Protein backbone atom coordinates (compact mmCIF):
# COMPACT_ATOMS: atom_id res chain seq x y z
CA MET A 1 -65.38 -104.06 -170.52
CA GLY A 2 -65.17 -102.63 -174.11
CA GLN A 3 -63.34 -103.54 -177.12
CA ASP A 4 -61.81 -101.66 -179.70
CA GLY A 5 -65.41 -101.59 -181.92
CA THR A 6 -66.95 -100.48 -179.21
CA SER A 7 -64.83 -98.30 -176.60
CA PRO A 8 -64.01 -95.32 -178.86
CA LEU A 9 -67.76 -94.68 -179.36
CA ALA A 10 -67.92 -94.50 -175.36
CA ILE A 11 -65.14 -92.41 -174.83
CA LYS A 12 -66.05 -89.97 -177.53
CA ALA A 13 -69.62 -89.52 -175.67
CA LEU A 14 -68.04 -89.01 -172.13
CA GLU A 15 -65.53 -86.54 -173.92
CA ARG A 16 -68.71 -84.56 -175.39
CA MET A 17 -70.29 -84.76 -172.02
CA GLY A 18 -66.88 -83.01 -170.14
CA VAL A 19 -66.67 -86.41 -168.21
CA ASP A 20 -62.69 -86.87 -167.64
CA ALA A 21 -62.83 -89.64 -165.07
CA VAL A 22 -64.64 -92.69 -164.42
CA PHE A 23 -66.01 -93.76 -160.64
CA ASP A 24 -63.77 -96.87 -160.46
CA PRO A 25 -61.52 -97.58 -163.05
CA THR A 26 -60.92 -100.98 -161.70
CA LYS A 27 -64.43 -101.81 -163.28
CA VAL A 28 -63.25 -100.40 -166.45
CA ALA A 29 -61.43 -102.67 -169.03
CA LEU A 30 -60.61 -101.54 -172.41
CA VAL A 31 -59.63 -104.78 -175.03
CA MET A 32 -57.88 -104.06 -178.17
CA ASP A 33 -58.83 -107.40 -179.99
CA HIS A 34 -61.64 -106.88 -182.81
CA SER A 35 -58.81 -104.84 -185.05
CA SER A 36 -55.67 -106.06 -183.98
CA PRO A 37 -53.16 -105.45 -185.23
CA SER A 38 -54.89 -102.30 -186.55
CA PRO A 39 -55.51 -103.03 -190.49
CA ILE A 40 -55.73 -99.16 -191.27
CA GLU A 41 -54.40 -96.13 -190.10
CA GLY A 42 -57.62 -95.16 -188.60
CA VAL A 43 -58.03 -98.07 -186.43
CA SER A 44 -54.46 -97.23 -185.06
CA ALA A 45 -55.87 -93.61 -183.99
CA LEU A 46 -58.69 -95.17 -182.04
CA HIS A 47 -56.02 -97.89 -180.25
CA THR A 48 -54.46 -94.60 -179.23
CA MET A 49 -57.46 -93.09 -178.05
CA MET A 50 -58.20 -95.74 -176.18
CA ARG A 51 -54.60 -96.37 -174.51
CA ASP A 52 -54.67 -92.38 -173.60
CA PHE A 53 -58.07 -92.65 -172.28
CA GLY A 54 -56.36 -95.38 -169.95
CA LYS A 55 -53.85 -93.45 -168.92
CA LYS A 56 -56.00 -90.43 -168.07
CA THR A 57 -58.44 -92.57 -165.91
CA GLY A 58 -56.34 -95.67 -164.81
CA CYS A 59 -58.86 -98.03 -166.33
CA THR A 60 -57.39 -101.10 -167.44
CA ILE A 61 -55.68 -101.72 -170.82
CA TYR A 62 -55.70 -104.81 -172.69
CA ASP A 63 -53.25 -103.87 -175.86
CA VAL A 64 -52.74 -105.59 -179.04
CA GLY A 65 -51.99 -109.15 -178.95
CA GLU A 66 -52.52 -110.08 -175.26
CA GLY A 67 -55.55 -111.98 -176.48
CA VAL A 68 -59.69 -111.96 -177.39
CA CYS A 69 -61.37 -109.91 -174.70
CA HIS A 70 -64.08 -113.00 -173.74
CA GLN A 71 -61.22 -115.04 -173.20
CA LEU A 72 -58.59 -112.41 -171.50
CA ILE A 73 -61.50 -111.24 -168.92
CA PRO A 74 -61.57 -114.38 -167.32
CA GLU A 75 -58.29 -115.24 -167.31
CA LYS A 76 -56.93 -112.13 -165.68
CA GLY A 77 -59.37 -112.78 -162.90
CA ARG A 78 -61.84 -109.79 -163.48
CA VAL A 79 -64.86 -111.60 -163.39
CA VAL A 80 -65.54 -115.08 -161.52
CA ALA A 81 -68.46 -117.03 -160.51
CA GLY A 82 -71.22 -114.97 -159.03
CA ASP A 83 -70.13 -111.72 -160.45
CA LEU A 84 -72.07 -109.19 -162.64
CA MET A 85 -70.43 -108.54 -166.09
CA VAL A 86 -71.54 -105.63 -168.57
CA GLY A 87 -69.87 -105.13 -171.47
CA CYS A 88 -69.66 -102.89 -174.52
CA ASP A 89 -69.95 -106.43 -176.84
CA SER A 90 -72.58 -108.83 -177.98
CA HIS A 91 -70.82 -111.91 -176.75
CA THR A 92 -70.28 -110.49 -173.10
CA CYS A 93 -73.24 -113.38 -172.72
CA THR A 94 -70.69 -116.03 -173.11
CA TYR A 95 -69.64 -115.32 -169.62
CA GLY A 96 -72.58 -117.20 -168.50
CA ALA A 97 -70.58 -120.38 -169.44
CA ILE A 98 -68.68 -119.73 -166.05
CA ASN A 99 -71.60 -118.79 -163.89
CA VAL A 100 -70.97 -115.13 -164.32
CA PHE A 101 -74.24 -112.81 -164.70
CA SER A 102 -73.64 -110.90 -167.76
CA THR A 103 -75.17 -109.09 -170.63
CA GLY A 104 -73.80 -106.92 -173.57
CA VAL A 105 -74.85 -103.15 -174.09
CA VAL A 106 -74.62 -100.94 -176.54
CA PRO A 107 -71.63 -97.79 -176.03
CA LEU A 108 -74.12 -95.44 -175.01
CA THR A 109 -75.13 -97.05 -171.91
CA ALA A 110 -71.49 -97.74 -171.18
CA GLN A 111 -70.41 -93.96 -171.35
CA GLN A 112 -73.78 -93.20 -168.95
CA ARG A 113 -72.47 -96.03 -166.60
CA TRP A 114 -68.46 -95.52 -166.16
CA PRO A 115 -68.70 -92.30 -164.38
CA VAL A 116 -71.28 -92.76 -161.84
CA ALA A 117 -71.09 -95.58 -158.74
CA SER A 118 -73.12 -98.41 -160.74
CA CYS A 119 -72.48 -101.53 -161.87
CA GLY A 120 -70.78 -100.27 -165.19
CA SER A 121 -68.58 -103.04 -165.83
CA ARG A 122 -68.28 -105.33 -163.02
CA CYS A 123 -69.95 -105.44 -159.32
CA ARG A 124 -68.64 -108.06 -157.09
CA ARG A 125 -71.29 -110.21 -154.76
CA ARG A 126 -70.12 -109.41 -150.83
């Protein structure tokens, strides 16, 4: 999971690396919630970048007004008790309240995980 303050950094890094896909788009969600509605034109451009990346890769996009990432992700069933959650946000550890092992990472870590077969966003215990 990435939000609008962190996802653009990961997306830009992926573009610099020439990566145009993620391994499993069902494991990557981008949420526009930290600067929404957009306060300035620059942030609007970042939101557009996130939408374009979601369309190109098939990642889930939660747009402006859909909710706060740490409320939205559990409510939409993207994480459940027993999951591992890695998010680009320092508050990702709050998922522990619903028995999810979770941690926040910096965007560089996310951009290294999204394109490969790893726990880039969520790994369901089977």
